[in-house]
Structure formats: C-alpha cells, structure tokens
Amino acid sequence: MSQHQELFPGGPVVLLVVKDKTQGLRFLVDPEMRKCVREEDLAYLDALLLDFAERAKLHPDALFQQLCSLAVGPLIVREAGSRSGKYSELLALYSDVARA
C-alpha cells in the first residue's frame, strides 16, 4: 500500500486541487496515477486534466468552486477544507502538473 493510500484508505486519490494565496490554484497528480486508474479511463482523465489547466488560467476561482462540489462522475470530492498535517504529507508525494 502506498503512503497516500494509507492517508486515504477509502480508495485511490489521484488528484489534489490546492488553492492558496501564494501559489494560486494547483493540480497535484499522484505520480502513480497510471497504476490506480483503469487503462480505458486514462485518456479521458488526461484530457480532463488538460481542460482543468486551461480553465484555471481564465477562471481559477469558479473552477475551484466547481471542483469542490463534484459528487458524481470519474472524480468526486472526498474531502475539502483547510490544509492539515495529512495534506502536507500528500503535497510532498504528488506531482505539480499545472498552476493557474
């Protein structure tokens, strides 16, 4: 079991969306995402991440609010809130793929 799975035992967390005053909106992807996601879903997820990156350049606040309310589909919000020790550990594990 990977370190991030130990922190979130309910299933794989492939994406963290982080918004703060100093670095803006960031998308952090599990470097082992390809091991967690079914082969047939990888192209869709790649396209979705590219779309997020483009939309974040124009409307980062609106995109962040939308992402915080995802409840159905391939990506759902498992937890939203302020950074805690758990998130600090995850931030060190994930790759920064886009910054608005």
PDB file of N, CA and C in Angstrom:
ATOM      1  N   MET A   1       0.855  -1.184   0.000  1.00  0.00           N
ATOM      2  CA  MET A   1       0.000   0.000   0.000  1.00  0.00           C
ATOM      3  C   MET A   1       0.895   1.239   0.000  1.00  0.00           C
ATOM      4  N   SER A   2       0.602   2.169  -0.901  1.00  0.00           N
ATOM      5  CA  SER A   2       1.414   3.376  -0.970  1.00  0.00           C
ATOM      6  C   SER A   2       1.091   4.295   0.199  1.00  0.00           C
ATOM      7  N   GLN A   3       1.955   5.274   0.414  1.00  0.00           N
ATOM      8  CA  GLN A   3       1.782   6.192   1.549  1.00  0.00           C
ATOM      9  C   GLN A   3       0.487   6.982   1.436  1.00  0.00           C
ATOM     10  N   HIS A   4       0.133   7.436   0.225  1.00  0.00           N
ATOM     11  CA  HIS A   4      -1.104   8.217   0.106  1.00  0.00           C
ATOM     12  C   HIS A   4      -2.332   7.352   0.320  1.00  0.00           C
ATOM     13  N   GLN A   5      -2.286   6.061  -0.009  1.00  0.00           N
ATOM     14  CA  GLN A   5      -3.421   5.181   0.242  1.00  0.00           C
ATOM     15  C   GLN A   5      -3.612   4.956   1.736  1.00  0.00           C
ATOM     16  N   GLU A   6      -2.528   4.985   2.481  1.00  0.00           N
ATOM     17  CA  GLU A   6      -2.642   4.867   3.933  1.00  0.00           C
ATOM     18  C   GLU A   6      -3.322   6.100   4.523  1.00  0.00           C
ATOM     19  N   LEU A   7      -3.081   7.272   3.928  1.00  0.00           N
ATOM     20  CA  LEU A   7      -3.699   8.500   4.413  1.00  0.00           C
ATOM     21  C   LEU A   7      -5.169   8.586   4.025  1.00  0.00           C
ATOM     22  N   PHE A   8      -5.544   8.011   2.879  1.00  0.00           N
ATOM     23  CA  PHE A   8      -6.917   7.987   2.394  1.00  0.00           C
ATOM     24  C   PHE A   8      -7.285   6.548   2.060  1.00  0.00           C
ATOM     25  N   PRO A   9      -7.649   5.732   3.055  1.00  0.00           N
ATOM     26  CA  PRO A   9      -7.884   4.321   2.821  1.00  0.00           C
ATOM     27  C   PRO A   9      -9.153   3.984   2.034  1.00  0.00           C
ATOM     28  N   GLY A  10     -10.026   4.933   1.738  1.00  0.00           N
ATOM     29  CA  GLY A  10     -11.275   4.659   1.043  1.00  0.00           C
ATOM     30  C   GLY A  10     -11.131   4.408  -0.443  1.00  0.00           C
ATOM     31  N   GLY A  11      -9.972   4.507  -1.002  1.00  0.00           N
ATOM     32  CA  GLY A  11      -9.754   4.320  -2.428  1.00  0.00           C
ATOM     33  C   GLY A  11      -8.692   5.279  -2.911  1.00  0.00           C
ATOM     34  N   PRO A  12      -8.306   5.138  -4.171  1.00  0.00           N
ATOM     35  CA  PRO A  12      -7.221   5.979  -4.677  1.00  0.00           C
ATOM     36  C   PRO A  12      -7.594   7.452  -4.762  1.00  0.00           C
ATOM     37  N   VAL A  13      -6.659   8.297  -4.407  1.00  0.00           N
ATOM     38  CA  VAL A  13      -6.780   9.743  -4.576  1.00  0.00           C
ATOM     39  C   VAL A  13      -5.774  10.096  -5.655  1.00  0.00           C
ATOM     40  N   VAL A  14      -6.251  10.370  -6.864  1.00  0.00           N
ATOM     41  CA  VAL A  14      -5.348  10.621  -7.974  1.00  0.00           C
ATOM     42  C   VAL A  14      -5.080  12.105  -8.189  1.00  0.00           C
ATOM     43  N   LEU A  15      -5.914  12.966  -7.618  1.00  0.00           N
ATOM     44  CA  LEU A  15      -5.785  14.398  -7.856  1.00  0.00           C
ATOM     45  C   LEU A  15      -6.058  15.176  -6.581  1.00  0.00           C
ATOM     46  N   LEU A  16      -5.174  16.096  -6.273  1.00  0.00           N
ATOM     47  CA  LEU A  16      -5.414  17.087  -5.224  1.00  0.00           C
ATOM     48  C   LEU A  16      -5.501  18.435  -5.911  1.00  0.00           C
ATOM     49  N   VAL A  17      -6.496  19.197  -5.584  1.00  0.00           N
ATOM     50  CA  VAL A  17      -6.622  20.558  -6.098  1.00  0.00           C
ATOM     51  C   VAL A  17      -6.401  21.473  -4.908  1.00  0.00           C
ATOM     52  N   VAL A  18      -5.374  22.307  -5.019  1.00  0.00           N
ATOM     53  CA  VAL A  18      -4.958  23.158  -3.912  1.00  0.00           C
ATOM     54  C   VAL A  18      -5.044  24.608  -4.358  1.00  0.00           C
ATOM     55  N   LYS A  19      -5.639  25.419  -3.515  1.00  0.00           N
ATOM     56  CA  LYS A  19      -5.721  26.854  -3.807  1.00  0.00           C
ATOM     57  C   LYS A  19      -5.221  27.598  -2.578  1.00  0.00           C
ATOM     58  N   ASP A  20      -4.233  28.439  -2.793  1.00  0.00           N
ATOM     59  CA  ASP A  20      -3.764  29.279  -1.698  1.00  0.00           C
ATOM     60  C   ASP A  20      -3.357  30.634  -2.246  1.00  0.00           C
ATOM     61  N   LYS A  21      -3.134  31.565  -1.340  1.00  0.00           N
ATOM     62  CA  LYS A  21      -2.848  32.938  -1.746  1.00  0.00           C
ATOM     63  C   LYS A  21      -1.479  33.096  -2.400  1.00  0.00           C
ATOM     64  N   THR A  22      -0.521  32.285  -2.005  1.00  0.00           N
ATOM     65  CA  THR A  22       0.838  32.469  -2.528  1.00  0.00           C
ATOM     66  C   THR A  22       1.070  31.791  -3.868  1.00  0.00           C
ATOM     67  N   GLN A  23       0.448  30.612  -4.092  1.00  0.00           N
ATOM     68  CA  GLN A  23       0.720  29.874  -5.326  1.00  0.00           C
ATOM     69  C   GLN A  23      -0.484  29.738  -6.237  1.00  0.00           C
ATOM     70  N   GLY A  24      -1.626  30.262  -5.836  1.00  0.00           N
ATOM     71  CA  GLY A  24      -2.810  30.184  -6.679  1.00  0.00           C
ATOM     72  C   GLY A  24      -3.412  28.797  -6.695  1.00  0.00           C
ATOM     73  N   LEU A  25      -4.004  28.436  -7.814  1.00  0.00           N
ATOM     74  CA  LEU A  25      -4.667  27.148  -7.988  1.00  0.00           C
ATOM     75  C   LEU A  25      -3.682  26.155  -8.588  1.00  0.00           C
ATOM     76  N   ARG A  26      -3.543  25.019  -7.930  1.00  0.00           N
ATOM     77  CA  ARG A  26      -2.616  23.988  -8.417  1.00  0.00           C
ATOM     78  C   ARG A  26      -3.325  22.646  -8.486  1.00  0.00           C
ATOM     79  N   PHE A  27      -2.918  21.852  -9.456  1.00  0.00           N
ATOM     80  CA  PHE A  27      -3.417  20.496  -9.623  1.00  0.00           C
ATOM     81  C   PHE A  27      -2.252  19.560  -9.361  1.00  0.00           C
ATOM     82  N   LEU A  28      -2.396  18.740  -8.346  1.00  0.00           N
ATOM     83  CA  LEU A  28      -1.339  17.823  -7.952  1.00  0.00           C
ATOM     84  C   LEU A  28      -1.824  16.406  -8.232  1.00  0.00           C
ATOM     85  N   VAL A  29      -1.081  15.709  -9.066  1.00  0.00           N
ATOM     86  CA  VAL A  29      -1.483  14.378  -9.515  1.00  0.00           C
ATOM     87  C   VAL A  29      -0.572  13.332  -8.888  1.00  0.00           C
ATOM     88  N   ASP A  30      -1.198  12.253  -8.442  1.00  0.00           N
ATOM     89  CA  ASP A  30      -0.445  11.132  -7.891  1.00  0.00           C
ATOM     90  C   ASP A  30       0.506  10.618  -8.967  1.00  0.00           C
ATOM     91  N   PRO A  31       1.812  10.569  -8.698  1.00  0.00           N
ATOM     92  CA  PRO A  31       2.753  10.072  -9.704  1.00  0.00           C
ATOM     93  C   PRO A  31       2.490   8.613 -10.085  1.00  0.00           C
ATOM     94  N   GLU A  32       1.731   7.899  -9.257  1.00  0.00           N
ATOM     95  CA  GLU A  32       1.380   6.508  -9.560  1.00  0.00           C
ATOM     96  C   GLU A  32      -0.042   6.395 -10.108  1.00  0.00           C
ATOM     97  N   MET A  33      -0.574   7.503 -10.640  1.00  0.00           N
ATOM     98  CA  MET A  33      -1.940   7.532 -11.136  1.00  0.00           C
ATOM     99  C   MET A  33      -2.211   6.412 -12.134  1.00  0.00           C
ATOM    100  N   ARG A  34      -1.283   6.140 -13.003  1.00  0.00           N
ATOM    101  CA  ARG A  34      -1.499   5.137 -14.045  1.00  0.00           C
ATOM    102  C   ARG A  34      -1.662   3.733 -13.470  1.00  0.00           C
ATOM    103  N   LYS A  35      -1.232   3.535 -12.244  1.00  0.00           N
ATOM    104  CA  LYS A  35      -1.427   2.245 -11.570  1.00  0.00           C
ATOM    105  C   LYS A  35      -2.807   2.165 -10.921  1.00  0.00           C
ATOM    106  N   CYS A  36      -3.406   3.324 -10.630  1.00  0.00           N
ATOM    107  CA  CYS A  36      -4.687   3.383  -9.911  1.00  0.00           C
ATOM    108  C   CYS A  36      -5.885   3.469 -10.841  1.00  0.00           C
ATOM    109  N   VAL A  37      -5.676   3.957 -12.057  1.00  0.00           N
ATOM    110  CA  VAL A  37      -6.771   4.231 -12.986  1.00  0.00           C
ATOM    111  C   VAL A  37      -6.797   3.145 -14.052  1.00  0.00           C
ATOM    112  N   ARG A  38      -8.013   2.702 -14.382  1.00  0.00           N
ATOM    113  CA  ARG A  38      -8.143   1.680 -15.436  1.00  0.00           C
ATOM    114  C   ARG A  38      -7.602   2.218 -16.754  1.00  0.00           C
ATOM    115  N   GLU A  39      -6.991   1.337 -17.508  1.00  0.00           N
ATOM    116  CA  GLU A  39      -6.378   1.685 -18.802  1.00  0.00           C
ATOM    117  C   GLU A  39      -7.345   2.445 -19.698  1.00  0.00           C
ATOM    118  N   GLU A  40      -8.589   1.989 -19.766  1.00  0.00           N
ATOM    119  CA  GLU A  40      -9.568   2.622 -20.664  1.00  0.00           C
ATOM    120  C   GLU A  40      -9.993   4.011 -20.192  1.00  0.00           C
ATOM    121  N   ASP A  41      -9.681   4.383 -18.955  1.00  0.00           N
ATOM    122  CA  ASP A  41     -10.044   5.702 -18.430  1.00  0.00           C
ATOM    123  C   ASP A  41      -8.899   6.714 -18.481  1.00  0.00           C
ATOM    124  N   LEU A  42      -7.699   6.267 -18.804  1.00  0.00           N
ATOM    125  CA  LEU A  42      -6.538   7.161 -18.758  1.00  0.00           C
ATOM    126  C   LEU A  42      -6.622   8.307 -19.758  1.00  0.00           C
ATOM    127  N   ALA A  43      -7.044   8.038 -20.978  1.00  0.00           N
ATOM    128  CA  ALA A  43      -7.133   9.101 -21.988  1.00  0.00           C
ATOM    129  C   ALA A  43      -8.143  10.160 -21.558  1.00  0.00           C
ATOM    130  N   TYR A  44      -9.277   9.716 -21.021  1.00  0.00           N
ATOM    131  CA  TYR A  44     -10.295  10.657 -20.547  1.00  0.00           C
ATOM    132  C   TYR A  44      -9.746  11.509 -19.410  1.00  0.00           C
ATOM    133  N   LEU A  45      -9.082  10.877 -18.462  1.00  0.00           N
ATOM    134  CA  LEU A  45      -8.540  11.605 -17.322  1.00  0.00           C
ATOM    135  C   LEU A  45      -7.453  12.584 -17.761  1.00  0.00           C
ATOM    136  N   ASP A  46      -6.608  12.182 -18.687  1.00  0.00           N
ATOM    137  CA  ASP A  46      -5.581  13.091 -19.222  1.00  0.00           C
ATOM    138  C   ASP A  46      -6.224  14.319 -19.864  1.00  0.00           C
ATOM    139  N   ALA A  47      -7.273  14.095 -20.665  1.00  0.00           N
ATOM    140  CA  ALA A  47      -7.974  15.214 -21.325  1.00  0.00           C
ATOM    141  C   ALA A  47      -8.647  16.113 -20.289  1.00  0.00           C
ATOM    142  N   LEU A  48      -9.212  15.512 -19.258  1.00  0.00           N
ATOM    143  CA  LEU A  48      -9.861  16.280 -18.207  1.00  0.00           C
ATOM    144  C   LEU A  48      -8.856  17.164 -17.473  1.00  0.00           C
ATOM    145  N   LEU A  49      -7.686  16.634 -17.175  1.00  0.00           N
ATOM    146  CA  LEU A  49      -6.649  17.417 -16.502  1.00  0.00           C
ATOM    147  C   LEU A  49      -6.164  18.576 -17.371  1.00  0.00           C
ATOM    148  N   LEU A  50      -6.028  18.336 -18.668  1.00  0.00           N
ATOM    149  CA  LEU A  50      -5.651  19.424 -19.583  1.00  0.00           C
ATOM    150  C   LEU A  50      -6.731  20.503 -19.615  1.00  0.00           C
ATOM    151  N   ASP A  51      -7.994  20.077 -19.621  1.00  0.00           N
ATOM    152  CA  ASP A  51      -9.108  21.030 -19.602  1.00  0.00           C
ATOM    153  C   ASP A  51      -9.087  21.849 -18.315  1.00  0.00           C
ATOM    154  N   PHE A  52      -8.863  21.197 -17.181  1.00  0.00           N
ATOM    155  CA  PHE A  52      -8.774  21.918 -15.911  1.00  0.00           C
ATOM    156  C   PHE A  52      -7.682  22.977 -15.970  1.00  0.00           C
ATOM    157  N   ALA A  53      -6.531  22.609 -16.497  1.00  0.00           N
ATOM    158  CA  ALA A  53      -5.400  23.547 -16.564  1.00  0.00           C
ATOM    159  C   ALA A  53      -5.747  24.762 -17.412  1.00  0.00           C
ATOM    160  N   GLU A  54      -6.411  24.551 -18.543  1.00  0.00           N
ATOM    161  CA  GLU A  54      -6.791  25.664 -19.413  1.00  0.00           C
ATOM    162  C   GLU A  54      -7.853  26.541 -18.750  1.00  0.00           C
ATOM    163  N   ARG A  55      -8.863  25.921 -18.144  1.00  0.00           N
ATOM    164  CA  ARG A  55      -9.924  26.683 -17.484  1.00  0.00           C
ATOM    165  C   ARG A  55      -9.396  27.449 -16.282  1.00  0.00           C
ATOM    166  N   ALA A  56      -8.406  26.900 -15.619  1.00  0.00           N
ATOM    167  CA  ALA A  56      -7.832  27.560 -14.438  1.00  0.00           C
ATOM    168  C   ALA A  56      -7.133  28.861 -14.807  1.00  0.00           C
ATOM    169  N   LYS A  57      -6.633  28.955 -16.020  1.00  0.00           N
ATOM    170  CA  LYS A  57      -5.969  30.185 -16.457  1.00  0.00           C
ATOM    171  C   LYS A  57      -6.960  31.338 -16.574  1.00  0.00           C
ATOM    172  N   LEU A  58      -8.205  31.030 -16.964  1.00  0.00           N
ATOM    173  CA  LEU A  58      -9.213  32.065 -17.186  1.00  0.00           C
ATOM    174  C   LEU A  58     -10.087  32.319 -15.961  1.00  0.00           C
ATOM    175  N   HIS A  59     -10.483  31.259 -15.273  1.00  0.00           N
ATOM    176  CA  HIS A  59     -11.452  31.377 -14.177  1.00  0.00           C
ATOM    177  C   HIS A  59     -11.070  30.469 -13.010  1.00  0.00           C
ATOM    178  N   PRO A  60      -9.944  30.727 -12.361  1.00  0.00           N
ATOM    179  CA  PRO A  60      -9.498  29.807 -11.303  1.00  0.00           C
ATOM    180  C   PRO A  60     -10.468  29.686 -10.137  1.00  0.00           C
ATOM    181  N   ASP A  61     -11.066  30.790  -9.707  1.00  0.00           N
ATOM    182  CA  ASP A  61     -11.979  30.724  -8.557  1.00  0.00           C
ATOM    183  C   ASP A  61     -13.231  29.921  -8.890  1.00  0.00           C
ATOM    184  N   ALA A  62     -13.809  30.164 -10.047  1.00  0.00           N
ATOM    185  CA  ALA A  62     -15.013  29.432 -10.451  1.00  0.00           C
ATOM    186  C   ALA A  62     -14.719  27.940 -10.612  1.00  0.00           C
ATOM    187  N   LEU A  63     -13.587  27.611 -11.205  1.00  0.00           N
ATOM    188  CA  LEU A  63     -13.224  26.204 -11.381  1.00  0.00           C
ATOM    189  C   LEU A  63     -13.021  25.537 -10.028  1.00  0.00           C
ATOM    190  N   PHE A  64     -12.341  26.220  -9.118  1.00  0.00           N
ATOM    191  CA  PHE A  64     -12.106  25.638  -7.796  1.00  0.00           C
ATOM    192  C   PHE A  64     -13.429  25.360  -7.087  1.00  0.00           C
ATOM    193  N   GLN A  65     -14.369  26.303  -7.144  1.00  0.00           N
ATOM    194  CA  GLN A  65     -15.672  26.095  -6.513  1.00  0.00           C
ATOM    195  C   GLN A  65     -16.396  24.909  -7.145  1.00  0.00           C
ATOM    196  N   GLN A  66     -16.318  24.805  -8.462  1.00  0.00           N
ATOM    197  CA  GLN A  66     -16.959  23.691  -9.143  1.00  0.00           C
ATOM    198  C   GLN A  66     -16.325  22.361  -8.717  1.00  0.00           C
ATOM    199  N   LEU A  67     -15.014  22.322  -8.659  1.00  0.00           N
ATOM    200  CA  LEU A  67     -14.324  21.085  -8.286  1.00  0.00           C
ATOM    201  C   LEU A  67     -14.610  20.688  -6.839  1.00  0.00           C
ATOM    202  N   CYS A  68     -14.822  21.660  -5.980  1.00  0.00           N
ATOM    203  CA  CYS A  68     -15.121  21.362  -4.570  1.00  0.00           C
ATOM    204  C   CYS A  68     -16.489  20.729  -4.387  1.00  0.00           C
ATOM    205  N   SER A  69     -17.325  20.795  -5.405  1.00  0.00           N
ATOM    206  CA  SER A  69     -18.683  20.258  -5.258  1.00  0.00           C
ATOM    207  C   SER A  69     -18.928  19.013  -6.104  1.00  0.00           C
ATOM    208  N   LEU A  70     -17.893  18.431  -6.691  1.00  0.00           N
ATOM    209  CA  LEU A  70     -18.090  17.230  -7.508  1.00  0.00           C
ATOM    210  C   LEU A  70     -18.638  16.094  -6.658  1.00  0.00           C
ATOM    211  N   ALA A  71     -19.726  15.476  -7.151  1.00  0.00           N
ATOM    212  CA  ALA A  71     -20.343  14.392  -6.395  1.00  0.00           C
ATOM    213  C   ALA A  71     -20.599  13.149  -7.239  1.00  0.00           C
ATOM    214  N   VAL A  72     -20.495  13.273  -8.559  1.00  0.00           N
ATOM    215  CA  VAL A  72     -20.693  12.124  -9.441  1.00  0.00           C
ATOM    216  C   VAL A  72     -19.653  12.166 -10.545  1.00  0.00           C
ATOM    217  N   GLY A  73     -19.489  11.064 -11.231  1.00  0.00           N
ATOM    218  CA  GLY A  73     -18.546  11.005 -12.340  1.00  0.00           C
ATOM    219  C   GLY A  73     -17.240  10.368 -11.920  1.00  0.00           C
ATOM    220  N   PRO A  74     -16.245  10.477 -12.781  1.00  0.00           N
ATOM    221  CA  PRO A  74     -14.973   9.797 -12.515  1.00  0.00           C
ATOM    222  C   PRO A  74     -14.163  10.418 -11.380  1.00  0.00           C
ATOM    223  N   LEU A  75     -14.409  11.680 -11.108  1.00  0.00           N
ATOM    224  CA  LEU A  75     -13.733  12.346  -9.993  1.00  0.00           C
ATOM    225  C   LEU A  75     -14.786  12.860  -9.032  1.00  0.00           C
ATOM    226  N   ILE A  76     -14.622  12.554  -7.759  1.00  0.00           N
ATOM    227  CA  ILE A  76     -15.536  13.071  -6.743  1.00  0.00           C
ATOM    228  C   ILE A  76     -14.716  13.667  -5.611  1.00  0.00           C
ATOM    229  N   VAL A  77     -15.316  14.614  -4.920  1.00  0.00           N
ATOM    230  CA  VAL A  77     -14.650  15.223  -3.769  1.00  0.00           C
ATOM    231  C   VAL A  77     -14.765  14.253  -2.599  1.00  0.00           C
ATOM    232  N   ARG A  78     -13.633  13.916  -2.052  1.00  0.00           N
ATOM    233  CA  ARG A  78     -13.624  13.045  -0.874  1.00  0.00           C
ATOM    234  C   ARG A  78     -13.538  13.880   0.392  1.00  0.00           C
ATOM    235  N   GLU A  79     -12.866  15.012   0.290  1.00  0.00           N
ATOM    236  CA  GLU A  79     -12.689  15.852   1.470  1.00  0.00           C
ATOM    237  C   GLU A  79     -12.304  17.245   0.989  1.00  0.00           C
ATOM    238  N   ALA A  80     -12.843  18.256   1.630  1.00  0.00           N
ATOM    239  CA  ALA A  80     -12.484  19.634   1.321  1.00  0.00           C
ATOM    240  C   ALA A  80     -12.259  20.354   2.636  1.00  0.00           C
ATOM    241  N   GLY A  81     -11.314  21.262   2.649  1.00  0.00           N
ATOM    242  CA  GLY A  81     -11.073  22.007   3.870  1.00  0.00           C
ATOM    243  C   GLY A  81      -9.690  22.599   3.892  1.00  0.00           C
ATOM    244  N   SER A  82      -9.326  23.104   5.034  1.00  0.00           N
ATOM    245  CA  SER A  82      -8.019  23.731   5.205  1.00  0.00           C
ATOM    246  C   SER A  82      -6.932  22.677   5.248  1.00  0.00           C
ATOM    247  N   ARG A  83      -5.745  23.094   4.936  1.00  0.00           N
ATOM    248  CA  ARG A  83      -4.599  22.194   4.960  1.00  0.00           C
ATOM    249  C   ARG A  83      -4.353  21.715   6.386  1.00  0.00           C
ATOM    250  N   SER A  84      -4.111  20.445   6.497  1.00  0.00           N
ATOM    251  CA  SER A  84      -3.765  19.866   7.788  1.00  0.00           C
ATOM    252  C   SER A  84      -2.478  19.084   7.618  1.00  0.00           C
ATOM    253  N   GLY A  85      -2.019  18.441   8.648  1.00  0.00           N
ATOM    254  CA  GLY A  85      -0.809  17.632   8.556  1.00  0.00           C
ATOM    255  C   GLY A  85      -0.913  16.569   7.487  1.00  0.00           C
ATOM    256  N   LYS A  86      -2.092  15.966   7.347  1.00  0.00           N
ATOM    257  CA  LYS A  86      -2.312  14.934   6.338  1.00  0.00           C
ATOM    258  C   LYS A  86      -2.059  15.491   4.941  1.00  0.00           C
ATOM    259  N   TYR A  87      -2.538  16.699   4.680  1.00  0.00           N
ATOM    260  CA  TYR A  87      -2.353  17.289   3.367  1.00  0.00           C
ATOM    261  C   TYR A  87      -0.906  17.660   3.117  1.00  0.00           C
ATOM    262  N   SER A  88      -0.218  18.094   4.133  1.00  0.00           N
ATOM    263  CA  SER A  88       1.193  18.429   3.968  1.00  0.00           C
ATOM    264  C   SER A  88       1.980  17.215   3.501  1.00  0.00           C
ATOM    265  N   GLU A  89       1.670  16.047   4.059  1.00  0.00           N
ATOM    266  CA  GLU A  89       2.342  14.820   3.637  1.00  0.00           C
ATOM    267  C   GLU A  89       2.013  14.493   2.186  1.00  0.00           C
ATOM    268  N   LEU A  90       0.743  14.645   1.813  1.00  0.00           N
ATOM    269  CA  LEU A  90       0.348  14.342   0.439  1.00  0.00           C
ATOM    270  C   LEU A  90       0.980  15.302  -0.560  1.00  0.00           C
ATOM    271  N   LEU A  91       1.074  16.572  -0.199  1.00  0.00           N
ATOM    272  CA  LEU A  91       1.669  17.549  -1.116  1.00  0.00           C
ATOM    273  C   LEU A  91       3.089  17.144  -1.493  1.00  0.00           C
ATOM    274  N   ALA A  92       3.798  16.549  -0.567  1.00  0.00           N
ATOM    275  CA  ALA A  92       5.174  16.128  -0.843  1.00  0.00           C
ATOM    276  C   ALA A  92       5.205  14.923  -1.782  1.00  0.00           C
ATOM    277  N   LEU A  93       4.133  14.144  -1.858  1.00  0.00           N
ATOM    278  CA  LEU A  93       4.101  12.937  -2.675  1.00  0.00           C
ATOM    279  C   LEU A  93       3.628  13.178  -4.105  1.00  0.00           C
ATOM    280  N   TYR A  94       2.838  14.201  -4.309  1.00  0.00           N
ATOM    281  CA  TYR A  94       2.188  14.404  -5.597  1.00  0.00           C
ATOM    282  C   TYR A  94       2.996  15.321  -6.499  1.00  0.00           C
ATOM    283  N   SER A  95       2.781  15.178  -7.807  1.00  0.00           N
ATOM    284  CA  SER A  95       3.478  15.986  -8.801  1.00  0.00           C
ATOM    285  C   SER A  95       2.642  17.202  -9.152  1.00  0.00           C
ATOM    286  N   ASP A  96       3.276  18.364  -9.207  1.00  0.00           N
ATOM    287  CA  ASP A  96       2.592  19.606  -9.578  1.00  0.00           C
ATOM    288  C   ASP A  96       2.519  19.644 -11.097  1.00  0.00           C
ATOM    289  N   VAL A  97       1.315  19.458 -11.667  1.00  0.00           N
ATOM    290  CA  VAL A  97       1.200  19.389 -13.118  1.00  0.00           C
ATOM    291  C   VAL A  97       0.736  20.678 -13.762  1.00  0.00           C
ATOM    292  N   ALA A  98       0.095  21.542 -12.999  1.00  0.00           N
ATOM    293  CA  ALA A  98      -0.386  22.791 -13.598  1.00  0.00           C
ATOM    294  C   ALA A  98      -0.569  23.828 -12.515  1.00  0.00           C
ATOM    295  N   ARG A  99      -0.329  25.044 -12.880  1.00  0.00           N
ATOM    296  CA  ARG A  99      -0.523  26.143 -11.932  1.00  0.00           C
ATOM    297  C   ARG A  99      -1.198  27.282 -12.686  1.00  0.00           C
ATOM    298  N   ALA A 100      -2.289  27.813 -12.085  1.00  0.00           N
ATOM    299  CA  ALA A 100      -3.007  28.919 -12.739  1.00  0.00           C
ATOM    300  C   ALA A 100      -2.351  30.231 -12.363  1.00  0.00           C
TER     301      ALA A 100
END
